Amino acid sequence: MKVEELLKMVDEAIAKVSLKIVDSTNRIFETPYTSWEFSKKSLELQDELDRLKKMKEFLKSRDPEENVGMLFSKEELEEILKYLAYMRQLDSYEP
């Protein structure tokens, strides 16, 4: 896998998390009974978004044609791919 492909996956995850943050922020004002839950979720997602942006900056500093196997160990790459897969499949209806 090349850096360019991984960068594309990170961009997709950033877009999905950004949408989820907006959705959670909007839901804060729905009812006082759930506002704390959605506030907390928004803050957690903001931390994840910051983490994804750092990953994106790191990948952008590398050659797009470089093999990610040279940057990360096999275990690290597997963890990154699992993390990105989870972040890209966030649904807006999840609390």
N, C-alpha and C. Protein backbone atom coordinates (compact mmCIF):
# COMPACT_ATOMS: atom_id res chain seq x y z
N MET A 1 0.85 -1.17 0.00
CA MET A 1 0.00 0.00 0.00
C MET A 1 0.90 1.24 0.00
N LYS A 2 0.49 2.20 -0.77
CA LYS A 2 1.27 3.43 -0.88
C LYS A 2 0.72 4.50 0.07
N VAL A 3 1.56 5.48 0.35
CA VAL A 3 1.18 6.58 1.25
C VAL A 3 -0.06 7.30 0.72
N GLU A 4 -0.13 7.47 -0.59
CA GLU A 4 -1.26 8.16 -1.21
C GLU A 4 -2.59 7.45 -0.89
N GLU A 5 -2.60 6.14 -0.92
CA GLU A 5 -3.81 5.37 -0.62
C GLU A 5 -4.21 5.53 0.85
N LEU A 6 -3.23 5.47 1.73
CA LEU A 6 -3.50 5.63 3.15
C LEU A 6 -3.99 7.05 3.44
N LEU A 7 -3.42 8.02 2.76
CA LEU A 7 -3.83 9.41 2.93
C LEU A 7 -5.29 9.60 2.51
N LYS A 8 -5.69 8.91 1.46
CA LYS A 8 -7.08 8.97 1.00
C LYS A 8 -8.02 8.41 2.07
N MET A 9 -7.60 7.32 2.71
CA MET A 9 -8.41 6.72 3.78
C MET A 9 -8.51 7.67 4.98
N VAL A 10 -7.41 8.35 5.29
CA VAL A 10 -7.42 9.31 6.39
C VAL A 10 -8.36 10.46 6.07
N ASP A 11 -8.34 10.94 4.83
CA ASP A 11 -9.25 12.02 4.42
C ASP A 11 -10.71 11.61 4.57
N GLU A 12 -11.02 10.38 4.19
CA GLU A 12 -12.40 9.89 4.34
C GLU A 12 -12.80 9.85 5.81
N ALA A 13 -11.89 9.40 6.65
CA ALA A 13 -12.17 9.33 8.09
C ALA A 13 -12.36 10.73 8.67
N ILE A 14 -11.55 11.69 8.23
CA ILE A 14 -11.68 13.07 8.70
C ILE A 14 -13.04 13.63 8.32
N ALA A 15 -13.46 13.37 7.10
CA ALA A 15 -14.77 13.86 6.65
C ALA A 15 -15.90 13.25 7.49
N LYS A 16 -15.83 11.96 7.73
CA LYS A 16 -16.87 11.27 8.49
C LYS A 16 -16.92 11.77 9.94
N VAL A 17 -15.75 11.92 10.56
CA VAL A 17 -15.70 12.40 11.95
C VAL A 17 -16.19 13.84 12.03
N SER A 18 -15.84 14.66 11.06
CA SER A 18 -16.29 16.05 11.05
C SER A 18 -17.82 16.13 10.98
N LEU A 19 -18.41 15.31 10.14
CA LEU A 19 -19.88 15.27 10.05
C LEU A 19 -20.50 14.79 11.36
N LYS A 20 -19.88 13.81 11.97
CA LYS A 20 -20.40 13.29 13.23
C LYS A 20 -20.31 14.34 14.34
N ILE A 21 -19.27 15.15 14.33
CA ILE A 21 -19.13 16.24 15.31
C ILE A 21 -20.26 17.24 15.14
N VAL A 22 -20.53 17.63 13.90
CA VAL A 22 -21.61 18.58 13.63
C VAL A 22 -22.94 17.99 14.09
N ASP A 23 -23.17 16.74 13.77
CA ASP A 23 -24.42 16.08 14.17
C ASP A 23 -24.56 16.04 15.69
N SER A 24 -23.50 15.65 16.38
CA SER A 24 -23.55 15.58 17.85
C SER A 24 -23.74 16.96 18.46
N THR A 25 -23.09 17.96 17.90
CA THR A 25 -23.22 19.33 18.41
C THR A 25 -24.65 19.82 18.23
N ASN A 26 -25.25 19.53 17.11
CA ASN A 26 -26.64 19.93 16.88
C ASN A 26 -27.59 19.24 17.85
N ARG A 27 -27.29 18.01 18.18
CA ARG A 27 -28.19 17.25 19.06
C ARG A 27 -28.07 17.67 20.53
N ILE A 28 -27.04 18.43 20.86
CA ILE A 28 -26.89 18.92 22.24
C ILE A 28 -28.12 19.72 22.67
N PHE A 29 -28.69 20.46 21.73
CA PHE A 29 -29.79 21.36 22.06
C PHE A 29 -31.17 20.73 21.93
N GLU A 30 -31.24 19.45 21.61
CA GLU A 30 -32.53 18.79 21.45
C GLU A 30 -33.30 18.69 22.77
N THR A 31 -32.62 18.24 23.80
CA THR A 31 -33.27 18.06 25.09
C THR A 31 -32.23 18.14 26.20
N PRO A 32 -32.59 18.68 27.34
CA PRO A 32 -31.61 18.77 28.43
C PRO A 32 -31.21 17.40 28.97
N TYR A 33 -32.01 16.38 28.71
CA TYR A 33 -31.72 15.05 29.24
C TYR A 33 -30.57 14.36 28.52
N THR A 34 -30.32 14.74 27.28
CA THR A 34 -29.24 14.10 26.52
C THR A 34 -28.11 15.06 26.18
N SER A 35 -28.20 16.30 26.59
CA SER A 35 -27.20 17.28 26.19
C SER A 35 -25.80 16.90 26.68
N TRP A 36 -25.69 16.39 27.91
CA TRP A 36 -24.37 16.00 28.43
C TRP A 36 -23.77 14.88 27.59
N GLU A 37 -24.57 13.91 27.23
CA GLU A 37 -24.10 12.78 26.44
C GLU A 37 -23.54 13.25 25.09
N PHE A 38 -24.27 14.12 24.42
CA PHE A 38 -23.81 14.59 23.11
C PHE A 38 -22.65 15.58 23.23
N SER A 39 -22.60 16.34 24.30
CA SER A 39 -21.45 17.22 24.53
C SER A 39 -20.18 16.39 24.71
N LYS A 40 -20.29 15.36 25.51
CA LYS A 40 -19.16 14.47 25.75
C LYS A 40 -18.71 13.80 24.45
N LYS A 41 -19.67 13.32 23.67
CA LYS A 41 -19.35 12.66 22.40
C LYS A 41 -18.66 13.63 21.45
N SER A 42 -19.12 14.87 21.40
CA SER A 42 -18.50 15.87 20.53
C SER A 42 -17.05 16.11 20.92
N LEU A 43 -16.78 16.18 22.21
CA LEU A 43 -15.40 16.39 22.68
C LEU A 43 -14.52 15.19 22.36
N GLU A 44 -15.05 13.99 22.54
CA GLU A 44 -14.29 12.79 22.20
C GLU A 44 -13.98 12.74 20.71
N LEU A 45 -14.96 13.09 19.91
CA LEU A 45 -14.75 13.08 18.46
C LEU A 45 -13.76 14.15 18.03
N GLN A 46 -13.75 15.28 18.72
CA GLN A 46 -12.79 16.33 18.40
C GLN A 46 -11.37 15.83 18.66
N ASP A 47 -11.18 15.07 19.73
CA ASP A 47 -9.87 14.47 20.00
C ASP A 47 -9.46 13.52 18.88
N GLU A 48 -10.41 12.72 18.41
CA GLU A 48 -10.13 11.80 17.30
C GLU A 48 -9.80 12.57 16.02
N LEU A 49 -10.52 13.65 15.80
CA LEU A 49 -10.27 14.47 14.61
C LEU A 49 -8.86 15.06 14.67
N ASP A 50 -8.45 15.53 15.83
CA ASP A 50 -7.10 16.06 15.99
C ASP A 50 -6.05 14.99 15.70
N ARG A 51 -6.31 13.79 16.19
CA ARG A 51 -5.40 12.66 15.95
C ARG A 51 -5.31 12.35 14.45
N LEU A 52 -6.44 12.35 13.78
CA LEU A 52 -6.46 12.09 12.33
C LEU A 52 -5.74 13.19 11.56
N LYS A 53 -5.90 14.42 11.98
CA LYS A 53 -5.21 15.53 11.30
C LYS A 53 -3.70 15.44 11.46
N LYS A 54 -3.24 15.01 12.63
CA LYS A 54 -1.80 14.81 12.84
C LYS A 54 -1.29 13.71 11.92
N MET A 55 -2.07 12.64 11.80
CA MET A 55 -1.69 11.54 10.92
C MET A 55 -1.62 12.03 9.47
N LYS A 56 -2.59 12.86 9.08
CA LYS A 56 -2.61 13.40 7.72
C LYS A 56 -1.38 14.26 7.46
N GLU A 57 -1.03 15.12 8.41
CA GLU A 57 0.15 15.98 8.23
C GLU A 57 1.42 15.14 8.09
N PHE A 58 1.53 14.09 8.88
CA PHE A 58 2.68 13.20 8.78
C PHE A 58 2.74 12.56 7.40
N LEU A 59 1.62 12.05 6.93
CA LEU A 59 1.59 11.37 5.63
C LEU A 59 1.83 12.35 4.48
N LYS A 60 1.34 13.58 4.62
CA LYS A 60 1.56 14.57 3.56
C LYS A 60 3.03 14.95 3.43
N SER A 61 3.78 14.78 4.52
CA SER A 61 5.20 15.12 4.48
C SER A 61 6.03 14.03 3.80
N ARG A 62 5.42 12.90 3.52
CA ARG A 62 6.11 11.78 2.89
C ARG A 62 5.84 11.77 1.38
N ASP A 63 6.64 10.99 0.67
CA ASP A 63 6.45 10.82 -0.77
C ASP A 63 5.18 10.00 -1.00
N PRO A 64 4.25 10.49 -1.85
CA PRO A 64 2.99 9.77 -2.07
C PRO A 64 3.18 8.36 -2.63
N GLU A 65 4.28 8.12 -3.30
CA GLU A 65 4.53 6.81 -3.89
C GLU A 65 5.29 5.87 -2.95
N GLU A 66 5.65 6.36 -1.77
CA GLU A 66 6.39 5.55 -0.81
C GLU A 66 5.49 4.44 -0.25
N ASN A 67 6.08 3.30 -0.02
CA ASN A 67 5.35 2.17 0.54
C ASN A 67 5.19 2.38 2.05
N VAL A 68 3.97 2.25 2.56
CA VAL A 68 3.74 2.47 3.99
C VAL A 68 4.41 1.39 4.84
N GLY A 69 4.75 0.28 4.24
CA GLY A 69 5.48 -0.76 4.95
C GLY A 69 6.85 -0.30 5.40
N MET A 70 7.36 0.74 4.76
CA MET A 70 8.65 1.30 5.14
C MET A 70 8.50 2.26 6.32
N LEU A 71 7.31 2.77 6.54
CA LEU A 71 7.07 3.75 7.61
C LEU A 71 6.60 3.10 8.90
N PHE A 72 5.82 2.04 8.78
CA PHE A 72 5.21 1.40 9.93
C PHE A 72 5.51 -0.09 9.93
N SER A 73 5.54 -0.67 11.12
CA SER A 73 5.68 -2.12 11.21
C SER A 73 4.35 -2.75 10.77
N LYS A 74 4.37 -4.03 10.56
CA LYS A 74 3.15 -4.73 10.12
C LYS A 74 2.04 -4.57 11.16
N GLU A 75 2.38 -4.69 12.43
CA GLU A 75 1.39 -4.57 13.51
C GLU A 75 0.82 -3.15 13.58
N GLU A 76 1.71 -2.16 13.45
CA GLU A 76 1.25 -0.76 13.48
C GLU A 76 0.30 -0.48 12.32
N LEU A 77 0.66 -0.97 11.15
CA LEU A 77 -0.18 -0.74 9.97
C LEU A 77 -1.55 -1.40 10.14
N GLU A 78 -1.58 -2.60 10.69
CA GLU A 78 -2.86 -3.28 10.93
C GLU A 78 -3.72 -2.47 11.89
N GLU A 79 -3.12 -1.95 12.95
CA GLU A 79 -3.86 -1.13 13.92
C GLU A 79 -4.38 0.15 13.28
N ILE A 80 -3.56 0.78 12.46
CA ILE A 80 -3.97 2.01 11.78
C ILE A 80 -5.15 1.73 10.86
N LEU A 81 -5.06 0.65 10.10
CA LEU A 81 -6.14 0.31 9.17
C LEU A 81 -7.44 -0.01 9.91
N LYS A 82 -7.36 -0.72 11.04
CA LYS A 82 -8.55 -1.00 11.84
C LYS A 82 -9.16 0.30 12.37
N TYR A 83 -8.30 1.17 12.87
CA TYR A 83 -8.75 2.46 13.40
C TYR A 83 -9.45 3.28 12.32
N LEU A 84 -8.83 3.36 11.15
CA LEU A 84 -9.42 4.14 10.05
C LEU A 84 -10.73 3.52 9.58
N ALA A 85 -10.79 2.20 9.53
CA ALA A 85 -12.04 1.54 9.13
C ALA A 85 -13.15 1.88 10.11
N TYR A 86 -12.85 1.86 11.39
CA TYR A 86 -13.86 2.20 12.40
C TYR A 86 -14.29 3.66 12.25
N MET A 87 -13.34 4.56 12.10
CA MET A 87 -13.66 5.99 12.00
C MET A 87 -14.47 6.30 10.73
N ARG A 88 -14.21 5.57 9.67
CA ARG A 88 -14.93 5.83 8.42
C ARG A 88 -16.34 5.28 8.43
N GLN A 89 -16.66 4.38 9.36
CA GLN A 89 -18.00 3.81 9.37
C GLN A 89 -18.87 4.37 10.49
N LEU A 90 -18.48 5.47 11.09
CA LEU A 90 -19.32 6.09 12.12
C LEU A 90 -20.67 6.47 11.52
N ASP A 91 -21.72 6.19 12.25
CA ASP A 91 -23.06 6.53 11.79
C ASP A 91 -23.58 7.71 12.59
N SER A 92 -24.38 8.52 11.95
CA SER A 92 -24.88 9.72 12.62
C SER A 92 -25.89 9.40 13.70
N TYR A 93 -26.50 8.23 13.67
CA TYR A 93 -27.51 7.92 14.67
C TYR A 93 -26.91 7.37 15.96
N GLU A 94 -25.62 7.08 15.98
CA GLU A 94 -24.98 6.60 17.21
C GLU A 94 -24.89 7.73 18.22
N PRO A 95 -25.16 7.45 19.49
CA PRO A 95 -24.98 8.50 20.50
C PRO A 95 -23.52 8.74 20.80
